[in-house]
Amino acid sequence: MGEYMQSVIVCRSCGRTIDKEFIYCPWCGTVLAEHEQGAELIQSAIDRLGPVQQKGCYGRIDRMETTLQQIEEDLSLFIARNDSRVT
């Protein structure tokens, strides 16, 4: 039991026992005092990642629109050729 008690701490917000290695309390989400700087670094990385992900999504959407336009053009040509053969 002594080993277990050395590997856990009590959350200062909700009072539950949690692993010392956790950055956030899994029960209430409070940043643990020992990890506040690490949590700030993680949040900073997440904040920087948002615009990069959004730019990537817009790029994929643009490529999909270009592909769709090409498919529509190809389909129109195909239909026009088949219509001319039928008449």
C-alpha atoms as a PDB file:
ATOM      1  CA  MET A   1       0.000   0.000   0.000  1.00  0.00           C
ATOM      2  CA  GLY A   2       2.925   2.352   0.605  1.00  0.00           C
ATOM      3  CA  GLU A   3       3.981   2.198  -3.044  1.00  0.00           C
ATOM      4  CA  TYR A   4       0.460   3.042  -4.154  1.00  0.00           C
ATOM      5  CA  MET A   5       0.294   6.092  -1.923  1.00  0.00           C
ATOM      6  CA  GLN A   6       3.583   7.383  -3.346  1.00  0.00           C
ATOM      7  CA  SER A   7       2.237   7.219  -6.901  1.00  0.00           C
ATOM      8  CA  VAL A   8      -0.956   9.208  -6.299  1.00  0.00           C
ATOM      9  CA  ILE A   9      -1.977  12.682  -5.199  1.00  0.00           C
ATOM     10  CA  VAL A  10      -5.238  14.305  -4.168  1.00  0.00           C
ATOM     11  CA  CYS A  11      -6.809  16.800  -6.599  1.00  0.00           C
ATOM     12  CA  ARG A  12      -6.926  20.250  -4.992  1.00  0.00           C
ATOM     13  CA  SER A  13     -10.258  20.943  -6.667  1.00  0.00           C
ATOM     14  CA  CYS A  14     -12.413  17.823  -6.288  1.00  0.00           C
ATOM     15  CA  GLY A  15     -10.439  15.892  -3.652  1.00  0.00           C
ATOM     16  CA  ARG A  16     -10.261  12.627  -5.603  1.00  0.00           C
ATOM     17  CA  THR A  17      -7.150  10.462  -5.649  1.00  0.00           C
ATOM     18  CA  ILE A  18      -5.356  10.521  -9.011  1.00  0.00           C
ATOM     19  CA  ASP A  19      -2.084   9.347 -10.517  1.00  0.00           C
ATOM     20  CA  LYS A  20       0.836  11.775 -10.017  1.00  0.00           C
ATOM     21  CA  GLU A  21       1.674  11.581 -13.723  1.00  0.00           C
ATOM     22  CA  PHE A  22      -1.656  13.059 -14.826  1.00  0.00           C
ATOM     23  CA  ILE A  23      -1.565  16.645 -16.068  1.00  0.00           C
ATOM     24  CA  TYR A  24      -5.312  17.126 -15.642  1.00  0.00           C
ATOM     25  CA  CYS A  25      -7.632  15.600 -13.074  1.00  0.00           C
ATOM     26  CA  PRO A  26      -9.706  13.031 -15.005  1.00  0.00           C
ATOM     27  CA  TRP A  27     -12.675  13.724 -12.732  1.00  0.00           C
ATOM     28  CA  CYS A  28     -12.954  17.525 -12.789  1.00  0.00           C
ATOM     29  CA  GLY A  29     -10.421  18.698 -15.407  1.00  0.00           C
ATOM     30  CA  THR A  30      -8.355  20.857 -13.053  1.00  0.00           C
ATOM     31  CA  VAL A  31      -4.710  21.330 -14.063  1.00  0.00           C
ATOM     32  CA  LEU A  32      -2.516  19.828 -11.377  1.00  0.00           C
ATOM     33  CA  ALA A  33      -0.145  22.313  -9.767  1.00  0.00           C
ATOM     34  CA  GLU A  34       2.950  20.269 -10.615  1.00  0.00           C
ATOM     35  CA  HIS A  35       2.015  20.308 -14.291  1.00  0.00           C
ATOM     36  CA  GLU A  36       0.705  23.848 -14.838  1.00  0.00           C
ATOM     37  CA  GLN A  37       3.639  24.807 -17.071  1.00  0.00           C
ATOM     38  CA  GLY A  38       3.238  21.591 -19.091  1.00  0.00           C
ATOM     39  CA  ALA A  39      -0.487  22.214 -19.445  1.00  0.00           C
ATOM     40  CA  GLU A  40       0.222  25.725 -20.735  1.00  0.00           C
ATOM     41  CA  LEU A  41       2.624  24.300 -23.322  1.00  0.00           C
ATOM     42  CA  ILE A  42       0.053  21.744 -24.422  1.00  0.00           C
ATOM     43  CA  GLN A  43      -2.640  24.407 -24.742  1.00  0.00           C
ATOM     44  CA  SER A  44      -0.269  26.637 -26.707  1.00  0.00           C
ATOM     45  CA  ALA A  45       0.452  23.790 -29.134  1.00  0.00           C
ATOM     46  CA  ILE A  46      -3.265  23.090 -29.526  1.00  0.00           C
ATOM     47  CA  ASP A  47      -3.943  26.778 -30.186  1.00  0.00           C
ATOM     48  CA  ARG A  48      -1.271  26.845 -32.917  1.00  0.00           C
ATOM     49  CA  LEU A  49      -2.519  23.603 -34.437  1.00  0.00           C
ATOM     50  CA  GLY A  50      -6.084  24.886 -34.986  1.00  0.00           C
ATOM     51  CA  PRO A  51      -5.283  27.252 -37.887  1.00  0.00           C
ATOM     52  CA  VAL A  52      -3.014  24.646 -39.505  1.00  0.00           C
ATOM     53  CA  GLN A  53      -5.794  22.048 -39.418  1.00  0.00           C
ATOM     54  CA  GLN A  54      -8.289  24.559 -40.771  1.00  0.00           C
ATOM     55  CA  LYS A  55      -5.965  25.483 -43.634  1.00  0.00           C
ATOM     56  CA  GLY A  56      -5.509  21.786 -44.423  1.00  0.00           C
ATOM     57  CA  CYS A  57      -9.280  21.280 -44.513  1.00  0.00           C
ATOM     58  CA  TYR A  58      -9.720  24.205 -46.894  1.00  0.00           C
ATOM     59  CA  GLY A  59      -7.001  22.782 -49.137  1.00  0.00           C
ATOM     60  CA  ARG A  60      -8.727  19.392 -49.261  1.00  0.00           C
ATOM     61  CA  ILE A  61     -12.059  21.048 -50.028  1.00  0.00           C
ATOM     62  CA  ASP A  62     -10.469  23.050 -52.854  1.00  0.00           C
ATOM     63  CA  ARG A  63      -8.960  19.865 -54.346  1.00  0.00           C
ATOM     64  CA  MET A  64     -12.304  18.085 -54.075  1.00  0.00           C
ATOM     65  CA  GLU A  65     -14.067  20.978 -55.837  1.00  0.00           C
ATOM     66  CA  THR A  66     -11.498  20.893 -58.641  1.00  0.00           C
ATOM     67  CA  THR A  67     -11.916  17.130 -59.026  1.00  0.00           C
ATOM     68  CA  LEU A  68     -15.697  17.443 -59.014  1.00  0.00           C
ATOM     69  CA  GLN A  69     -15.576  20.131 -61.708  1.00  0.00           C
ATOM     70  CA  GLN A  70     -13.394  17.881 -63.871  1.00  0.00           C
ATOM     71  CA  ILE A  71     -15.797  14.960 -63.380  1.00  0.00           C
ATOM     72  CA  GLU A  72     -18.751  17.165 -64.324  1.00  0.00           C
ATOM     73  CA  GLU A  73     -16.945  18.334 -67.473  1.00  0.00           C
ATOM     74  CA  ASP A  74     -16.058  14.753 -68.414  1.00  0.00           C
ATOM     75  CA  LEU A  75     -19.623  13.621 -67.802  1.00  0.00           C
ATOM     76  CA  SER A  76     -21.017  16.471 -69.925  1.00  0.00           C
ATOM     77  CA  LEU A  77     -18.682  15.520 -72.787  1.00  0.00           C
ATOM     78  CA  PHE A  78     -19.657  11.866 -72.449  1.00  0.00           C
ATOM     79  CA  ILE A  79     -23.371  12.704 -72.553  1.00  0.00           C
ATOM     80  CA  ALA A  80     -22.920  15.052 -75.497  1.00  0.00           C
ATOM     81  CA  ARG A  81     -21.045  12.375 -77.479  1.00  0.00           C
ATOM     82  CA  ASN A  82     -23.679   9.747 -76.727  1.00  0.00           C
ATOM     83  CA  ASP A  83     -26.516  12.146 -77.621  1.00  0.00           C
ATOM     84  CA  SER A  84     -24.898  12.866 -80.988  1.00  0.00           C
ATOM     85  CA  ARG A  85     -24.592   9.136 -81.713  1.00  0.00           C
ATOM     86  CA  VAL A  86     -28.229   8.457 -80.858  1.00  0.00           C
ATOM     87  CA  THR A  87     -29.690  11.169 -83.115  1.00  0.00           C
END
